[in-house]
Every structure is written in C-alpha cells, then in structure tokens.
Amino acid sequence: MSGVIVTDPPKAELKDVDALARFGVATVSEAMGRTGLLGPGIRPNQQGVRVAGTAVTVLGWPGDNLMIHAAVEQCGEGDLLVVTTTSPSTDGLFGELFATALHRRGVRGLVINAGIRDTQELREMGFAAWSRAVSAQGTVKATGGSVNVPVAIDGQVVRPGDVILADDDGVVVVPREHARATVAKAEAREAKEAATRAAFLEGQLGLDRYGLRERLTALGVEYRTYEEYAECEGHAGHGGERP
C-alpha cells in the first residue's frame, strides 16, 4: 500500500489535555454522552496509571512496524502514539526500543490496536502502553502506510491531534475541538458524583436518589414477601395460575 506522512497537524492545547487527565476514562466518556471509547479489547500493560496526550496516528500493515519508525520523527512533547493496522494483527509491533526513542521525545504513552512485547521492560521504564494483545512474535519493515491521518479502532475515529485519555478502564478519544468543553462537562459530572457518593455514605439508596422506585412500578416489578413468593411458585409448580 502507498501512504502519506502528514506533518504538523492541529492539536488540542496541552493545558486542556492536562486538565482532562484529572478525570477517569469512564467519567469523560459519560460526560460526552457515553461516546469516544475505543472498546474493551484494548487493555493496559500496567496498573494504576492514567495518561492523556495528543494523538499521533499510525496506519500500518499487519506484522509490519515500518510506519511506527516513521511516526517517531513526528512525535513530540505531550503526544501519545496511536497505532492500528489495515486488518487485524496481534504481532508484537512495539517494544522497549521504540519506547526508549519515544520517551526521549516526551511522548506520554502508546495505544495500539495490535500487539506489544517487552512488557516487563516497558513497566520498568515507566512507559505506559495499552494494547490489543501481548505477543513475542516479531515483525518486518517492508510495507508503506500512513502517519497522522484519521484511523478507526472498534468503529471509533481518532484524528491526529485529538486527545487520548487512558487508564485501567480503557481508552477514550476526545475530539480536539471539544477538549475544553469536555473538561467543563467532566468537572460537572465529577461534582454530581461527589454529591451522590456523600449521600450513599449517609445511607441513601440509589432507588430513592434516582427516583427508581417509580420506574420499577411502571415496569410492573412487584415486591413480595418470601412467603408470598413461595406460595405463588408452589401454585405454579402444581399447575396453578400465577396471581
């Protein structure tokens, strides 16, 4: 395949990226209307780490990491590398040597819709990575691809310069032009959750706080004592009608 390497794409401002890093992936996705998630199949190589950065995207060939080498040159302070392939791949496209080069350039982490290897070394050097697979299988450097073009992961489009936020729960993308507004929405959601947490600590039930008792009634869900339920089931087991 032929390809293109796009230089200097527009990016979200780092102050908005860093502000989004205060919030969890779940909070940000909910704040955007439950959108932006890159799916449950991409999992962290480490635990207890949250990073946010501006996307440098890579579209390469399965089993071929040539375009990751090309992408390193396009990466800078505050970026986060996002890699996918033209068809499914679990080969170990990325390892400790790539991480060393990216860390030197101020890159904050990796999200790859394929495999990684050298996982222990990545953890030891503090380079955060989220991947579809872990595989020691090596790669070639033989096929062209693209850098800094829109890519799709699990149906979610990631453009260069969009904000990528990743933690133990997964990965979410925030469109670069919505970064600042999403910070405000995430702050509002976090404040709402803090109030709910305080109410739960005082003993309030979600059924009451969220008005869910009325929902249960509207759906025809009934409360019965154990004796009432057992009697009802007994009648049904003997051919009787359920009340």
Protein backbone atom coordinates (compact mmCIF):
# COMPACT_ATOMS: atom_id res chain seq x y z
CA MET A 1 0.00 0.00 0.00
CA SER A 2 1.14 3.57 -0.60
CA GLY A 3 0.69 6.19 2.08
CA VAL A 4 1.33 9.65 3.38
CA ILE A 5 3.13 11.21 6.35
CA VAL A 6 1.35 14.38 7.42
CA THR A 7 3.44 16.90 9.34
CA ASP A 8 2.32 19.46 11.92
CA PRO A 9 -1.41 18.64 12.20
CA PRO A 10 -3.58 20.79 14.50
CA LYS A 11 -3.64 19.60 18.11
CA ALA A 12 -5.64 20.19 21.25
CA GLU A 13 -3.95 22.60 23.65
CA LEU A 14 -1.81 20.87 26.25
CA LYS A 15 -3.46 22.76 29.11
CA ASP A 16 -6.79 21.16 28.12
CA VAL A 17 -5.11 17.77 27.70
CA ASP A 18 -3.62 18.02 31.18
CA ALA A 19 -6.95 19.14 32.61
CA LEU A 20 -8.66 16.07 31.13
CA ALA A 21 -6.00 13.87 32.75
CA ARG A 22 -7.57 14.70 36.14
CA PHE A 23 -10.59 12.58 35.25
CA GLY A 24 -11.10 8.90 34.64
CA VAL A 25 -11.91 7.43 31.24
CA ALA A 26 -15.40 6.46 32.39
CA THR A 27 -16.14 9.99 33.63
CA VAL A 28 -15.00 11.61 30.39
CA SER A 29 -16.92 9.17 28.21
CA GLU A 30 -20.08 9.73 30.26
CA ALA A 31 -19.55 13.49 30.07
CA MET A 32 -19.51 13.22 26.27
CA GLY A 33 -22.77 11.28 26.21
CA ARG A 34 -21.24 7.82 26.55
CA THR A 35 -19.13 8.16 23.42
CA GLY A 36 -15.47 8.01 22.46
CA LEU A 37 -14.48 4.63 23.90
CA LEU A 38 -12.04 2.53 21.88
CA GLY A 39 -13.66 -0.71 23.04
CA PRO A 40 -12.98 -3.22 25.84
CA GLY A 41 -10.37 -5.21 23.91
CA ILE A 42 -7.53 -2.74 24.40
CA ARG A 43 -6.06 -3.29 27.85
CA PRO A 44 -3.25 -1.66 29.88
CA ASN A 45 0.17 -3.22 30.27
CA GLN A 46 0.44 -1.60 33.71
CA GLN A 47 -1.95 -0.83 36.57
CA GLY A 48 -2.73 2.38 38.40
CA VAL A 49 -1.59 4.67 35.59
CA ARG A 50 -3.58 7.36 33.81
CA VAL A 51 -2.18 9.37 30.91
CA ALA A 52 -3.51 11.89 28.43
CA GLY A 53 -1.84 13.15 25.28
CA THR A 54 -2.41 14.39 21.78
CA ALA A 55 -2.70 11.64 19.19
CA VAL A 56 -0.05 10.91 16.60
CA THR A 57 -1.73 8.26 14.48
CA VAL A 58 -0.24 5.38 12.54
CA LEU A 59 -1.89 3.15 9.93
CA GLY A 60 0.36 0.24 9.03
CA TRP A 61 0.35 -3.26 7.67
CA PRO A 62 -0.22 -6.36 9.85
CA GLY A 63 3.10 -7.75 11.08
CA ASP A 64 4.97 -4.68 9.82
CA ASN A 65 6.18 -1.81 12.02
CA LEU A 66 7.86 0.36 9.38
CA MET A 67 5.38 3.19 9.85
CA ILE A 68 5.96 3.29 13.61
CA HIS A 69 9.58 4.14 12.82
CA ALA A 70 8.33 6.91 10.54
CA ALA A 71 5.93 8.15 13.22
CA VAL A 72 8.64 8.56 15.87
CA GLU A 73 10.01 11.51 13.93
CA GLN A 74 6.59 13.20 14.05
CA CYS A 75 6.19 12.77 17.82
CA GLY A 76 6.93 15.45 20.38
CA GLU A 77 6.30 16.62 23.93
CA GLY A 78 2.81 15.74 25.14
CA ASP A 79 1.94 13.37 22.31
CA LEU A 80 0.58 9.85 22.60
CA LEU A 81 1.12 7.35 19.78
CA VAL A 82 -1.97 5.59 18.40
CA VAL A 83 -1.33 2.62 16.09
CA THR A 84 -3.66 0.41 14.09
CA THR A 85 -3.31 -1.88 11.08
CA THR A 86 -5.20 -2.34 7.85
CA SER A 87 -6.51 -5.71 9.03
CA PRO A 88 -6.44 -7.46 12.42
CA SER A 89 -2.99 -8.17 13.83
CA THR A 90 -1.70 -9.47 17.16
CA ASP A 91 2.01 -9.46 16.33
CA GLY A 92 4.34 -7.62 18.69
CA LEU A 93 4.75 -4.44 16.67
CA PHE A 94 6.10 -2.37 19.57
CA GLY A 95 8.68 -2.98 22.26
CA GLU A 96 11.26 -1.46 24.57
CA LEU A 97 13.43 0.11 21.87
CA PHE A 98 10.52 2.07 20.42
CA ALA A 99 9.55 3.14 23.93
CA THR A 100 13.09 4.38 24.57
CA ALA A 101 13.01 6.56 21.46
CA LEU A 102 9.52 7.92 22.24
CA HIS A 103 10.31 8.58 25.89
CA ARG A 104 13.31 10.65 24.78
CA ARG A 105 10.94 12.81 22.69
CA GLY A 106 8.47 13.42 25.53
CA VAL A 107 5.77 11.02 24.33
CA ARG A 108 3.39 10.05 27.12
CA GLY A 109 2.37 6.57 26.05
CA LEU A 110 1.05 4.19 23.42
CA VAL A 111 -2.33 2.86 22.34
CA ILE A 112 -2.02 0.08 19.78
CA ASN A 113 -4.72 -1.97 18.12
CA ALA A 114 -2.24 -4.86 17.79
CA GLY A 115 0.43 -6.49 19.96
CA ILE A 116 3.26 -5.30 22.17
CA ARG A 117 6.22 -7.16 23.63
CA ASP A 118 8.98 -6.43 26.20
CA THR A 119 6.14 -5.81 28.62
CA GLN A 120 8.25 -6.06 31.77
CA GLU A 121 10.79 -3.63 30.36
CA LEU A 122 8.02 -1.18 29.46
CA ARG A 123 6.73 -1.29 33.03
CA GLU A 124 10.21 -0.91 34.50
CA MET A 125 10.96 2.17 32.39
CA GLY A 126 7.56 3.68 33.19
CA PHE A 127 6.33 3.79 29.60
CA ALA A 128 2.55 3.37 29.63
CA ALA A 129 1.04 1.16 26.93
CA TRP A 130 -2.42 -0.10 26.05
CA SER A 131 -2.68 -2.90 23.50
CA ARG A 132 -4.98 -5.42 21.86
CA ALA A 133 -2.55 -8.26 22.53
CA VAL A 134 0.80 -9.23 24.01
CA SER A 135 2.99 -11.25 21.65
CA ALA A 136 6.68 -12.01 21.30
CA GLN A 137 6.14 -12.51 17.55
CA GLY A 138 8.46 -10.19 15.62
CA THR A 139 7.74 -8.07 12.58
CA VAL A 140 9.15 -6.89 9.27
CA LYS A 141 9.69 -3.40 7.85
CA ALA A 142 8.56 -3.76 4.29
CA THR A 143 5.25 -2.03 3.54
CA GLY A 144 4.23 1.60 3.31
CA GLY A 145 1.47 3.15 5.36
CA SER A 146 0.41 6.49 6.77
CA VAL A 147 1.14 8.75 9.73
CA ASN A 148 -1.13 11.49 11.10
CA VAL A 149 -4.24 10.50 9.17
CA PRO A 150 -7.64 9.61 10.70
CA VAL A 151 -7.75 5.98 11.83
CA ALA A 152 -10.56 3.82 13.20
CA ILE A 153 -10.38 1.49 16.20
CA ASP A 154 -13.52 -0.50 17.04
CA GLY A 155 -15.50 1.91 14.90
CA GLN A 156 -14.23 4.96 16.77
CA VAL A 157 -12.37 7.51 14.64
CA VAL A 158 -9.16 9.01 16.04
CA ARG A 159 -7.71 12.03 14.25
CA PRO A 160 -4.21 13.41 14.73
CA GLY A 161 -4.25 15.98 17.49
CA ASP A 162 -7.31 14.56 19.25
CA VAL A 163 -6.96 13.95 22.98
CA ILE A 164 -6.36 10.35 24.04
CA LEU A 165 -7.08 9.55 27.68
CA ALA A 166 -6.24 6.09 29.01
CA ASP A 167 -6.38 4.38 32.39
CA ASP A 168 -7.14 0.98 33.93
CA ASP A 169 -10.67 1.05 32.47
CA GLY A 170 -9.61 1.54 28.86
CA VAL A 171 -9.14 4.34 26.35
CA VAL A 172 -11.31 7.26 25.25
CA VAL A 173 -10.77 9.82 22.48
CA VAL A 174 -11.90 13.42 22.83
CA PRO A 175 -12.15 15.43 19.57
CA ARG A 176 -9.54 18.16 19.70
CA GLU A 177 -12.07 20.96 19.15
CA HIS A 178 -14.18 19.71 22.08
CA ALA A 179 -11.37 19.30 24.60
CA ARG A 180 -12.04 22.45 26.62
CA ALA A 181 -15.82 21.96 26.70
CA THR A 182 -15.34 18.34 27.75
CA VAL A 183 -13.23 19.47 30.72
CA ALA A 184 -16.17 21.57 31.95
CA LYS A 185 -18.62 18.71 31.43
CA ALA A 186 -16.34 16.26 33.25
CA GLU A 187 -15.99 18.69 36.16
CA ALA A 188 -19.78 18.95 36.42
CA ARG A 189 -20.18 15.19 36.32
CA GLU A 190 -17.50 14.67 38.95
CA ALA A 191 -19.22 17.20 41.25
CA LYS A 192 -22.52 15.38 40.78
CA GLU A 193 -20.87 12.04 41.58
CA ALA A 194 -19.25 13.51 44.69
CA ALA A 195 -22.67 14.60 45.96
CA THR A 196 -24.09 11.15 45.25
CA ARG A 197 -21.14 9.47 46.98
CA ALA A 198 -21.76 11.58 50.07
CA ALA A 199 -25.44 10.65 50.03
CA PHE A 200 -24.60 6.94 49.75
CA LEU A 201 -22.16 7.26 52.66
CA GLU A 202 -25.05 8.63 54.71
CA GLY A 203 -27.16 5.61 53.80
CA GLN A 204 -29.35 6.90 50.99
CA LEU A 205 -30.26 4.32 48.36
CA GLY A 206 -29.90 4.74 44.63
CA LEU A 207 -33.54 3.66 44.33
CA ASP A 208 -34.55 6.84 46.12
CA ARG A 209 -31.88 9.26 44.92
CA TYR A 210 -32.51 8.43 41.28
CA GLY A 211 -36.29 8.03 41.59
CA LEU A 212 -36.09 4.39 40.53
CA ARG A 213 -38.93 3.07 42.68
CA GLU A 214 -41.37 4.72 40.30
CA ARG A 215 -39.50 3.16 37.38
CA LEU A 216 -39.86 -0.31 38.88
CA THR A 217 -43.59 0.24 39.40
CA ALA A 218 -44.04 1.46 35.83
CA LEU A 219 -42.27 -1.66 34.58
CA GLY A 220 -44.60 -3.91 36.57
CA VAL A 221 -41.96 -5.09 39.06
CA GLU A 222 -43.63 -6.12 42.35
CA TYR A 223 -42.43 -6.53 45.92
CA ARG A 224 -43.49 -9.78 47.62
CA THR A 225 -42.58 -11.39 50.91
CA TYR A 226 -40.76 -14.69 50.78
CA GLU A 227 -43.92 -16.49 51.88
CA GLU A 228 -45.97 -14.83 49.14
CA TYR A 229 -43.36 -15.69 46.53
CA ALA A 230 -43.04 -19.30 47.72
CA GLU A 231 -46.81 -19.74 47.70
CA CYS A 232 -47.04 -18.30 44.19
CA GLU A 233 -44.26 -20.58 42.92
CA GLY A 234 -45.87 -23.56 44.63
CA HIS A 235 -49.15 -22.95 42.87
CA ALA A 236 -47.40 -22.57 39.56
CA GLY A 237 -45.48 -25.82 40.07
CA HIS A 238 -48.75 -27.68 40.57
CA GLY A 239 -50.43 -26.29 37.51
CA GLY A 240 -51.95 -23.34 39.30
CA GLU A 241 -52.09 -19.91 37.77
CA ARG A 242 -49.74 -17.20 38.92
CA PRO A 243 -51.62 -14.38 40.57
